[in-house]
Amino acid sequence: MKVNSINTQAHPSFGMAKLTQKGRKMAQTHIGDKFKAFAKQTPYTKRNVLKKMLTEGQEWPAISDFFKYGCTCFEDKNAQFIKKQILPITGRRTISRLLKEDSAQAAKSLGTNVSNTGALPLSNGGKLFVEALLDVFDTNIGNTKVPKKNGLKFLDLIKQYITPEQHISRAAILSDKMYSIK
């Protein structure tokens, strides 16, 4: 039995074709910027980066900016971001704990003036956090690489902090047979 060794050459190969010099220039011209943006996200595909950010006490704007990595035009990267940052048990627990603490502090500062929207009160930073999570959810609601079960888990994380109308409309899209297949 003969085993071929892997050909490691200076010319990039994407499995479809071995590119010539002219082909490389063409690929860099047409997919250069998108490919750079795609490759730039690799640090955020590591598991539980979000948990580390939240436990280290990062500022709210930095955390909200972090969620932009789940709102790109690359479905597979977005799905990987959701799977490795938001949906692991440690990520969900950290997000839940953070939102509970923020809600408790916001309720103390509001006193008896709790909002009648049906959502638990949050500070401005907490609201930014929930809006960033909603942006990731809304961007990926049609993402075929994120299963419906994961989408519902994601939505349940912030269910208490959004209005019932916001929750019901999104949950209906995921679970109603008229709107989704699986």
N, C-alpha and C. Protein backbone atom coordinates (compact mmCIF):
# COMPACT_ATOMS: atom_id res chain seq x y z
N MET A 1 0.84 -1.17 0.00
CA MET A 1 0.00 0.00 0.00
C MET A 1 0.89 1.23 0.00
N LYS A 2 0.62 2.14 -0.90
CA LYS A 2 1.44 3.32 -1.05
C LYS A 2 0.68 4.54 -0.52
N VAL A 3 1.32 5.32 0.35
CA VAL A 3 0.69 6.50 0.92
C VAL A 3 1.37 7.73 0.34
N ASN A 4 0.56 8.63 -0.22
CA ASN A 4 1.12 9.85 -0.78
C ASN A 4 1.33 10.86 0.34
N SER A 5 2.44 11.55 0.31
CA SER A 5 2.67 12.60 1.30
C SER A 5 1.93 13.86 0.88
N ILE A 6 1.69 14.71 1.85
CA ILE A 6 0.99 15.96 1.57
C ILE A 6 1.93 16.89 0.84
N ASN A 7 1.44 17.47 -0.24
CA ASN A 7 2.26 18.37 -1.04
C ASN A 7 2.21 19.77 -0.42
N THR A 8 3.29 20.20 0.17
CA THR A 8 3.36 21.54 0.74
C THR A 8 4.18 22.40 -0.19
N GLN A 9 3.50 23.25 -0.90
CA GLN A 9 4.19 24.12 -1.85
C GLN A 9 3.87 25.57 -1.55
N ALA A 10 4.59 26.44 -2.18
CA ALA A 10 4.42 27.87 -1.93
C ALA A 10 3.13 28.41 -2.54
N HIS A 11 2.56 27.69 -3.46
CA HIS A 11 1.33 28.16 -4.10
C HIS A 11 0.13 27.70 -3.28
N PRO A 12 -0.77 28.63 -2.96
CA PRO A 12 -1.94 28.23 -2.19
C PRO A 12 -2.87 27.36 -3.01
N SER A 13 -3.48 26.41 -2.36
CA SER A 13 -4.43 25.54 -3.02
C SER A 13 -5.68 25.50 -2.17
N PHE A 14 -6.81 25.76 -2.78
CA PHE A 14 -8.07 25.78 -2.05
C PHE A 14 -8.86 24.51 -2.28
N GLY A 15 -8.23 23.51 -2.81
CA GLY A 15 -8.92 22.25 -3.03
C GLY A 15 -9.57 22.18 -4.40
N MET A 16 -9.96 23.33 -4.94
CA MET A 16 -10.60 23.34 -6.25
C MET A 16 -9.58 23.46 -7.37
N ALA A 17 -8.55 24.27 -7.12
CA ALA A 17 -7.55 24.49 -8.16
C ALA A 17 -6.24 24.91 -7.53
N LYS A 18 -5.17 24.60 -8.22
CA LYS A 18 -3.87 25.12 -7.82
C LYS A 18 -3.69 26.40 -8.61
N LEU A 19 -3.54 27.49 -7.88
CA LEU A 19 -3.53 28.79 -8.53
C LEU A 19 -2.17 29.13 -9.12
N THR A 20 -2.24 29.75 -10.29
CA THR A 20 -1.04 30.29 -10.91
C THR A 20 -0.82 31.69 -10.34
N GLN A 21 0.27 32.33 -10.78
CA GLN A 21 0.54 33.70 -10.33
C GLN A 21 -0.63 34.62 -10.69
N LYS A 22 -1.13 34.50 -11.89
CA LYS A 22 -2.25 35.32 -12.35
C LYS A 22 -3.52 34.98 -11.56
N GLY A 23 -3.73 33.71 -11.27
CA GLY A 23 -4.88 33.29 -10.49
C GLY A 23 -4.85 33.81 -9.06
N ARG A 24 -3.64 33.83 -8.46
CA ARG A 24 -3.50 34.38 -7.11
C ARG A 24 -3.84 35.86 -7.08
N LYS A 25 -3.35 36.61 -8.08
CA LYS A 25 -3.65 38.05 -8.15
C LYS A 25 -5.15 38.26 -8.31
N MET A 26 -5.77 37.45 -9.13
CA MET A 26 -7.21 37.55 -9.36
C MET A 26 -7.97 37.25 -8.07
N ALA A 27 -7.57 36.21 -7.35
CA ALA A 27 -8.24 35.85 -6.10
C ALA A 27 -8.05 36.94 -5.05
N GLN A 28 -6.85 37.49 -4.96
CA GLN A 28 -6.60 38.55 -3.99
C GLN A 28 -7.37 39.80 -4.33
N THR A 29 -7.54 40.10 -5.62
CA THR A 29 -8.28 41.28 -6.04
C THR A 29 -9.76 41.13 -5.72
N HIS A 30 -10.32 39.99 -6.02
CA HIS A 30 -11.77 39.82 -5.89
C HIS A 30 -12.23 39.39 -4.51
N ILE A 31 -11.42 38.62 -3.81
CA ILE A 31 -11.87 38.17 -2.49
C ILE A 31 -10.96 38.67 -1.38
N GLY A 32 -10.03 39.55 -1.71
CA GLY A 32 -9.04 40.00 -0.75
C GLY A 32 -9.63 40.58 0.52
N ASP A 33 -10.48 41.59 0.43
CA ASP A 33 -11.01 42.25 1.63
C ASP A 33 -11.90 41.34 2.44
N LYS A 34 -12.76 40.61 1.75
CA LYS A 34 -13.65 39.69 2.46
C LYS A 34 -12.86 38.58 3.14
N PHE A 35 -11.84 38.09 2.45
CA PHE A 35 -11.03 37.03 3.04
C PHE A 35 -10.27 37.54 4.25
N LYS A 36 -9.76 38.78 4.19
CA LYS A 36 -9.06 39.35 5.34
C LYS A 36 -10.02 39.49 6.52
N ALA A 37 -11.25 39.94 6.26
CA ALA A 37 -12.24 40.06 7.34
C ALA A 37 -12.59 38.69 7.90
N PHE A 38 -12.66 37.69 7.03
CA PHE A 38 -12.96 36.33 7.45
C PHE A 38 -11.84 35.79 8.33
N ALA A 39 -10.60 35.98 7.90
CA ALA A 39 -9.45 35.46 8.65
C ALA A 39 -9.23 36.23 9.94
N LYS A 40 -9.63 37.47 9.99
CA LYS A 40 -9.42 38.32 11.16
C LYS A 40 -10.21 37.83 12.37
N GLN A 41 -11.24 37.04 12.16
CA GLN A 41 -12.10 36.59 13.24
C GLN A 41 -11.61 35.35 13.95
N THR A 42 -10.52 34.78 13.56
CA THR A 42 -10.08 33.53 14.16
C THR A 42 -9.88 33.59 15.67
N PRO A 43 -9.42 34.71 16.29
CA PRO A 43 -9.30 34.68 17.75
C PRO A 43 -10.63 34.50 18.47
N TYR A 44 -11.71 34.89 17.84
CA TYR A 44 -13.01 34.83 18.49
C TYR A 44 -13.71 33.50 18.28
N THR A 45 -13.03 32.59 17.62
CA THR A 45 -13.58 31.24 17.49
C THR A 45 -13.07 30.34 18.60
N LYS A 46 -12.21 30.88 19.45
CA LYS A 46 -11.76 30.13 20.63
C LYS A 46 -12.91 30.10 21.63
N ARG A 47 -13.01 29.05 22.36
CA ARG A 47 -14.11 28.85 23.29
C ARG A 47 -14.00 29.78 24.51
N ASN A 48 -15.13 30.35 24.90
CA ASN A 48 -15.30 31.13 26.14
C ASN A 48 -14.47 32.40 26.25
N VAL A 49 -14.21 33.08 25.15
CA VAL A 49 -13.56 34.39 25.20
C VAL A 49 -14.51 35.37 25.88
N LEU A 50 -15.80 35.25 25.60
CA LEU A 50 -16.80 36.14 26.21
C LEU A 50 -16.81 36.00 27.72
N LYS A 51 -16.73 34.78 28.22
CA LYS A 51 -16.72 34.56 29.66
C LYS A 51 -15.53 35.27 30.30
N LYS A 52 -14.38 35.16 29.67
CA LYS A 52 -13.18 35.83 30.19
C LYS A 52 -13.37 37.34 30.20
N MET A 53 -13.96 37.87 29.14
CA MET A 53 -14.20 39.32 29.08
C MET A 53 -15.13 39.77 30.20
N LEU A 54 -16.19 39.00 30.42
CA LEU A 54 -17.18 39.38 31.42
C LEU A 54 -16.65 39.24 32.84
N THR A 55 -15.86 38.21 33.09
CA THR A 55 -15.33 38.02 34.44
C THR A 55 -14.17 38.95 34.76
N GLU A 56 -13.50 39.45 33.72
CA GLU A 56 -12.41 40.39 33.94
C GLU A 56 -12.91 41.82 34.14
N GLY A 57 -14.19 42.05 33.97
CA GLY A 57 -14.75 43.37 34.20
C GLY A 57 -14.55 44.34 33.05
N GLN A 58 -14.64 43.86 31.83
CA GLN A 58 -14.52 44.75 30.68
C GLN A 58 -15.66 45.78 30.70
N GLU A 59 -15.45 46.90 30.06
CA GLU A 59 -16.47 47.94 29.97
C GLU A 59 -17.54 47.52 28.97
N TRP A 60 -18.75 48.05 29.16
CA TRP A 60 -19.88 47.68 28.30
C TRP A 60 -19.63 47.94 26.82
N PRO A 61 -19.07 49.10 26.43
CA PRO A 61 -18.86 49.30 24.98
C PRO A 61 -17.96 48.25 24.35
N ALA A 62 -16.92 47.83 25.07
CA ALA A 62 -16.02 46.80 24.54
C ALA A 62 -16.75 45.48 24.37
N ILE A 63 -17.61 45.17 25.31
CA ILE A 63 -18.38 43.92 25.23
C ILE A 63 -19.37 43.98 24.08
N SER A 64 -20.04 45.13 23.92
CA SER A 64 -20.99 45.28 22.81
C SER A 64 -20.27 45.18 21.47
N ASP A 65 -19.07 45.76 21.37
CA ASP A 65 -18.30 45.67 20.13
C ASP A 65 -17.89 44.23 19.84
N PHE A 66 -17.65 43.46 20.87
CA PHE A 66 -17.28 42.06 20.71
C PHE A 66 -18.36 41.29 19.95
N PHE A 67 -19.62 41.65 20.17
CA PHE A 67 -20.72 40.92 19.53
C PHE A 67 -20.82 41.19 18.03
N LYS A 68 -20.11 42.18 17.53
CA LYS A 68 -20.12 42.43 16.08
C LYS A 68 -19.51 41.26 15.32
N TYR A 69 -18.69 40.46 16.02
CA TYR A 69 -18.10 39.29 15.37
C TYR A 69 -19.13 38.19 15.12
N GLY A 70 -20.31 38.31 15.70
CA GLY A 70 -21.38 37.37 15.43
C GLY A 70 -22.38 37.91 14.42
N CYS A 71 -22.10 39.10 13.87
CA CYS A 71 -23.03 39.76 12.93
C CYS A 71 -22.37 40.01 11.58
N THR A 72 -21.50 39.14 11.15
CA THR A 72 -20.80 39.33 9.88
C THR A 72 -21.61 38.74 8.73
N CYS A 73 -21.04 38.84 7.55
CA CYS A 73 -21.71 38.25 6.38
C CYS A 73 -21.34 36.77 6.19
N PHE A 74 -20.52 36.23 7.09
CA PHE A 74 -20.08 34.84 6.99
C PHE A 74 -20.91 33.98 7.94
N GLU A 75 -21.83 33.19 7.38
CA GLU A 75 -22.71 32.36 8.21
C GLU A 75 -21.96 31.38 9.08
N ASP A 76 -20.93 30.76 8.53
CA ASP A 76 -20.21 29.75 9.31
C ASP A 76 -19.46 30.38 10.47
N LYS A 77 -18.88 31.54 10.28
CA LYS A 77 -18.19 32.22 11.39
C LYS A 77 -19.20 32.67 12.45
N ASN A 78 -20.35 33.18 12.01
CA ASN A 78 -21.38 33.59 12.97
C ASN A 78 -21.86 32.40 13.79
N ALA A 79 -22.08 31.28 13.13
CA ALA A 79 -22.52 30.07 13.83
C ALA A 79 -21.46 29.60 14.82
N GLN A 80 -20.21 29.70 14.41
CA GLN A 80 -19.12 29.30 15.29
C GLN A 80 -19.03 30.24 16.48
N PHE A 81 -19.24 31.54 16.25
CA PHE A 81 -19.23 32.52 17.33
C PHE A 81 -20.33 32.20 18.35
N ILE A 82 -21.52 31.93 17.86
CA ILE A 82 -22.65 31.62 18.75
C ILE A 82 -22.36 30.33 19.53
N LYS A 83 -21.86 29.33 18.84
CA LYS A 83 -21.60 28.03 19.46
C LYS A 83 -20.49 28.10 20.51
N LYS A 84 -19.47 28.91 20.27
CA LYS A 84 -18.31 28.91 21.16
C LYS A 84 -18.30 30.03 22.18
N GLN A 85 -19.12 31.07 22.00
CA GLN A 85 -19.12 32.19 22.94
C GLN A 85 -20.39 32.27 23.77
N ILE A 86 -21.54 32.11 23.13
CA ILE A 86 -22.81 32.38 23.79
C ILE A 86 -23.44 31.10 24.35
N LEU A 87 -23.42 30.03 23.60
CA LEU A 87 -24.17 28.84 23.99
C LEU A 87 -23.48 27.81 24.89
N PRO A 88 -22.17 27.85 25.10
CA PRO A 88 -21.62 26.90 26.07
C PRO A 88 -22.21 27.16 27.45
N ILE A 89 -22.25 26.15 28.28
CA ILE A 89 -22.85 26.29 29.61
C ILE A 89 -22.19 27.42 30.38
N THR A 90 -20.87 27.52 30.30
CA THR A 90 -20.19 28.60 31.03
C THR A 90 -20.57 29.97 30.48
N GLY A 91 -20.72 30.08 29.18
CA GLY A 91 -21.14 31.35 28.58
C GLY A 91 -22.55 31.74 28.99
N ARG A 92 -23.46 30.76 28.94
CA ARG A 92 -24.86 31.04 29.33
C ARG A 92 -24.95 31.41 30.80
N ARG A 93 -24.23 30.69 31.66
CA ARG A 93 -24.26 31.01 33.09
C ARG A 93 -23.69 32.39 33.37
N THR A 94 -22.61 32.72 32.71
CA THR A 94 -21.99 34.02 32.91
C THR A 94 -22.91 35.14 32.45
N ILE A 95 -23.53 34.97 31.28
CA ILE A 95 -24.45 35.98 30.77
C ILE A 95 -25.64 36.13 31.71
N SER A 96 -26.21 35.01 32.15
CA SER A 96 -27.37 35.06 33.06
C SER A 96 -27.01 35.74 34.37
N ARG A 97 -25.87 35.38 34.93
CA ARG A 97 -25.45 35.98 36.19
C ARG A 97 -25.23 37.48 36.05
N LEU A 98 -24.57 37.87 34.98
CA LEU A 98 -24.29 39.28 34.73
C LEU A 98 -25.59 40.08 34.59
N LEU A 99 -26.54 39.54 33.82
CA LEU A 99 -27.80 40.25 33.62
C LEU A 99 -28.62 40.30 34.92
N LYS A 100 -28.59 39.23 35.72
CA LYS A 100 -29.31 39.25 36.99
C LYS A 100 -28.74 40.30 37.92
N GLU A 101 -27.42 40.36 38.01
CA GLU A 101 -26.77 41.36 38.87
C GLU A 101 -27.08 42.77 38.40
N ASP A 102 -27.02 42.99 37.10
CA ASP A 102 -27.30 44.32 36.55
C ASP A 102 -28.75 44.70 36.78
N SER A 103 -29.64 43.75 36.62
CA SER A 103 -31.06 44.00 36.84
C SER A 103 -31.35 44.33 38.30
N ALA A 104 -30.70 43.61 39.21
CA ALA A 104 -30.89 43.88 40.65
C ALA A 104 -30.40 45.28 41.00
N GLN A 105 -29.25 45.68 40.47
CA GLN A 105 -28.74 47.02 40.74
C GLN A 105 -29.65 48.09 40.13
N ALA A 106 -30.15 47.84 38.93
CA ALA A 106 -31.04 48.80 38.27
C ALA A 106 -32.36 48.91 39.04
N ALA A 107 -32.87 47.79 39.56
CA ALA A 107 -34.11 47.81 40.34
C ALA A 107 -33.92 48.60 41.63
N LYS A 108 -32.75 48.45 42.26
CA LYS A 108 -32.47 49.22 43.48
C LYS A 108 -32.43 50.70 43.19
N SER A 109 -31.80 51.09 42.10
CA SER A 109 -31.69 52.51 41.78
C SER A 109 -33.03 53.10 41.34
N LEU A 110 -33.88 52.27 40.74
CA LEU A 110 -35.21 52.76 40.33
C LEU A 110 -36.17 52.80 41.50
N GLY A 111 -35.96 51.95 42.48
CA GLY A 111 -36.87 51.89 43.62
C GLY A 111 -38.21 51.32 43.22
N THR A 112 -39.26 52.08 43.41
CA THR A 112 -40.60 51.60 43.08
C THR A 112 -41.01 51.95 41.66
N ASN A 113 -40.18 52.66 40.93
CA ASN A 113 -40.52 53.07 39.56
C ASN A 113 -40.09 52.02 38.54
N VAL A 114 -40.50 50.79 38.73
CA VAL A 114 -40.15 49.71 37.81
C VAL A 114 -41.00 49.85 36.55
N SER A 115 -40.39 49.63 35.39
CA SER A 115 -41.12 49.81 34.13
C SER A 115 -42.23 48.78 33.98
N ASN A 116 -43.27 49.16 33.24
CA ASN A 116 -44.42 48.28 33.03
C ASN A 116 -44.35 47.58 31.68
N THR A 117 -43.18 47.46 31.09
CA THR A 117 -43.04 46.84 29.78
C THR A 117 -43.07 45.32 29.84
N GLY A 118 -42.95 44.75 31.02
CA GLY A 118 -42.91 43.30 31.15
C GLY A 118 -41.49 42.78 31.19
N ALA A 119 -40.53 43.65 30.94
CA ALA A 119 -39.12 43.26 30.98
C ALA A 119 -38.52 43.74 32.29
N LEU A 120 -37.56 42.98 32.80
CA LEU A 120 -36.87 43.39 34.02
C LEU A 120 -36.01 44.62 33.72
N PRO A 121 -35.87 45.52 34.68
CA PRO A 121 -35.09 46.73 34.43
C PRO A 121 -33.59 46.42 34.31
N LEU A 122 -32.92 47.22 33.49
CA LEU A 122 -31.49 47.10 33.29
C LEU A 122 -30.86 48.48 33.28
N SER A 123 -29.57 48.54 33.59
CA SER A 123 -28.84 49.80 33.46
C SER A 123 -28.62 50.08 31.98
N ASN A 124 -28.08 51.23 31.66
CA ASN A 124 -27.79 51.55 30.26
C ASN A 124 -26.82 50.55 29.65
N GLY A 125 -25.82 50.15 30.41
CA GLY A 125 -24.87 49.15 29.94
C GLY A 125 -25.54 47.80 29.72
N GLY A 126 -26.42 47.42 30.63
CA GLY A 126 -27.15 46.16 30.48
C GLY A 126 -28.04 46.17 29.25
N LYS A 127 -28.66 47.34 28.99
CA LYS A 127 -29.50 47.47 27.79
C LYS A 127 -28.66 47.33 26.53
N LEU A 128 -27.47 47.94 26.53
CA LEU A 128 -26.56 47.79 25.38
C LEU A 128 -26.18 46.33 25.17
N PHE A 129 -25.94 45.64 26.26
CA PHE A 129 -25.58 44.22 26.21
C PHE A 129 -26.70 43.39 25.59
N VAL A 130 -27.93 43.62 26.05
CA VAL A 130 -29.08 42.87 25.52
C VAL A 130 -29.32 43.24 24.06
N GLU A 131 -29.17 44.50 23.71
CA GLU A 131 -29.34 44.91 22.31
C GLU A 131 -28.29 44.25 21.42
N ALA A 132 -27.07 44.14 21.91
CA ALA A 132 -26.01 43.48 21.14
C ALA A 132 -26.35 42.00 20.93
N LEU A 133 -26.85 41.35 21.99
CA LEU A 133 -27.28 39.95 21.85
C LEU A 133 -28.43 39.83 20.85
N LEU A 134 -29.38 40.77 20.90
CA LEU A 134 -30.50 40.76 19.95
C LEU A 134 -30.01 40.97 18.52
N ASP A 135 -29.01 41.82 18.34
CA ASP A 135 -28.46 42.02 17.00
C ASP A 135 -27.86 40.73 16.45
N VAL A 136 -27.13 40.02 17.30
CA VAL A 136 -26.56 38.74 16.87
C VAL A 136 -27.68 37.77 16.52
N PHE A 137 -28.71 37.72 17.36
CA PHE A 137 -29.83 36.82 17.11
C PHE A 137 -30.53 37.19 15.80
N ASP A 138 -30.85 38.47 15.63
CA ASP A 138 -31.57 38.91 14.43
C ASP A 138 -30.76 38.70 13.16
N THR A 139 -29.46 38.91 13.24
CA THR A 139 -28.60 38.69 12.07
C THR A 139 -28.58 37.23 11.67
N ASN A 140 -28.67 36.33 12.64
CA ASN A 140 -28.53 34.91 12.37
C ASN A 140 -29.84 34.13 12.40
N ILE A 141 -30.96 34.83 12.39
CA ILE A 141 -32.25 34.13 12.49
C ILE A 141 -32.48 33.23 11.27
N GLY A 142 -31.91 33.60 10.14
CA GLY A 142 -32.04 32.76 8.95
C GLY A 142 -30.80 31.96 8.64
N ASN A 143 -29.86 31.91 9.56
CA ASN A 143 -28.60 31.20 9.36
C ASN A 143 -28.85 29.70 9.41
N THR A 144 -28.58 29.04 8.32
CA THR A 144 -28.84 27.59 8.22
C THR A 144 -27.86 26.78 9.07
N LYS A 145 -26.78 27.38 9.50
CA LYS A 145 -25.78 26.67 10.29
C LYS A 145 -26.04 26.74 11.80
N VAL A 146 -27.08 27.49 12.19
CA VAL A 146 -27.47 27.57 13.60
C VAL A 146 -28.80 26.82 13.74
N PRO A 147 -28.82 25.69 14.43
CA PRO A 147 -30.06 24.93 14.58
C PRO A 147 -31.12 25.70 15.38
N LYS A 148 -32.37 25.36 15.13
CA LYS A 148 -33.48 26.02 15.81
C LYS A 148 -33.37 25.86 17.32
N LYS A 149 -32.96 24.71 17.78
CA LYS A 149 -32.81 24.45 19.21
C LYS A 149 -31.82 25.43 19.83
N ASN A 150 -30.73 25.70 19.15
CA ASN A 150 -29.74 26.65 19.65
C ASN A 150 -30.28 28.08 19.62
N GLY A 151 -31.07 28.38 18.60
CA GLY A 151 -31.69 29.71 18.53
C GLY A 151 -32.64 29.95 19.69
N LEU A 152 -33.40 28.93 20.05
CA LEU A 152 -34.32 29.06 21.18
C LEU A 152 -33.57 29.17 22.51
N LYS A 153 -32.47 28.44 22.65
CA LYS A 153 -31.63 28.57 23.85
C LYS A 153 -31.09 29.98 23.97
N PHE A 154 -30.63 30.50 22.86
CA PHE A 154 -30.09 31.85 22.79
C PHE A 154 -31.15 32.85 23.22
N LEU A 155 -32.36 32.72 22.69
CA LEU A 155 -33.44 33.64 22.99
C LEU A 155 -33.88 33.54 24.45
N ASP A 156 -33.83 32.35 25.02
CA ASP A 156 -34.20 32.18 26.42
C ASP A 156 -33.25 32.89 27.38
N LEU A 157 -32.01 33.12 26.95
CA LEU A 157 -31.05 33.83 27.79
C LEU A 157 -31.52 35.25 28.13
N ILE A 158 -32.16 35.88 27.16
CA ILE A 158 -32.54 37.29 27.33
C ILE A 158 -34.04 37.49 27.42
N LYS A 159 -34.77 36.43 27.55
CA LYS A 159 -36.23 36.47 27.57
C LYS A 159 -36.78 37.44 28.62
N GLN A 160 -36.20 37.45 29.80
CA GLN A 160 -36.70 38.27 30.90
C GLN A 160 -36.37 39.75 30.72
N TYR A 161 -35.44 40.06 29.84
CA TYR A 161 -34.95 41.43 29.73
C TYR A 161 -35.43 42.15 28.47
N ILE A 162 -36.27 41.48 27.69
CA ILE A 162 -36.90 42.12 26.53
C ILE A 162 -38.40 42.07 26.73
N THR A 163 -39.11 42.87 25.96
CA THR A 163 -40.56 42.91 26.10
C THR A 163 -41.16 41.61 25.56
N PRO A 164 -42.35 41.26 26.04
CA PRO A 164 -42.99 40.04 25.52
C PRO A 164 -43.19 40.08 24.00
N GLU A 165 -43.47 41.25 23.45
CA GLU A 165 -43.66 41.36 22.00
C GLU A 165 -42.38 41.02 21.25
N GLN A 166 -41.24 41.50 21.77
CA GLN A 166 -39.97 41.19 21.14
C GLN A 166 -39.67 39.70 21.21
N HIS A 167 -39.97 39.09 22.33
CA HIS A 167 -39.69 37.66 22.49
C HIS A 167 -40.64 36.80 21.66
N ILE A 168 -41.92 37.09 21.73
CA ILE A 168 -42.91 36.26 21.04
C ILE A 168 -42.72 36.29 19.53
N SER A 169 -42.44 37.46 18.97
CA SER A 169 -42.26 37.53 17.52
C SER A 169 -41.06 36.72 17.06
N ARG A 170 -39.98 36.77 17.80
CA ARG A 170 -38.79 36.01 17.42
C ARG A 170 -38.98 34.51 17.65
N ALA A 171 -39.58 34.15 18.77
CA ALA A 171 -39.81 32.73 19.05
C ALA A 171 -40.79 32.12 18.05
N ALA A 172 -41.77 32.91 17.62
CA ALA A 172 -42.74 32.40 16.64
C ALA A 172 -42.06 32.10 15.31
N ILE A 173 -41.15 32.94 14.91
CA ILE A 173 -40.44 32.69 13.65
C ILE A 173 -39.66 31.39 13.73
N LEU A 174 -39.07 31.10 14.88
CA LEU A 174 -38.28 29.88 15.02
C LEU A 174 -39.14 28.63 15.17
N SER A 175 -40.26 28.74 15.84
CA SER A 175 -41.00 27.53 16.18
C SER A 175 -42.26 27.28 15.35
N ASP A 176 -42.80 28.28 14.68
CA ASP A 176 -44.02 28.10 13.89
C ASP A 176 -43.67 27.44 12.56
N LYS A 177 -44.39 26.41 12.20
CA LYS A 177 -44.12 25.67 10.97
C LYS A 177 -44.33 26.53 9.72
N MET A 178 -45.12 27.58 9.85
CA MET A 178 -45.36 28.45 8.71
C MET A 178 -44.10 29.26 8.37
N TYR A 179 -43.26 29.54 9.36
CA TYR A 179 -42.11 30.37 9.14
C TYR A 179 -40.79 29.63 9.05
N SER A 180 -40.70 28.45 9.65
CA SER A 180 -39.43 27.73 9.61
C SER A 180 -39.68 26.25 9.35
N ILE A 181 -38.70 25.62 8.72
CA ILE A 181 -38.82 24.23 8.31
C ILE A 181 -38.49 23.29 9.45
N LYS A 182 -37.36 23.49 10.14
CA LYS A 182 -36.93 22.57 11.20
C LYS A 182 -37.02 23.24 12.52
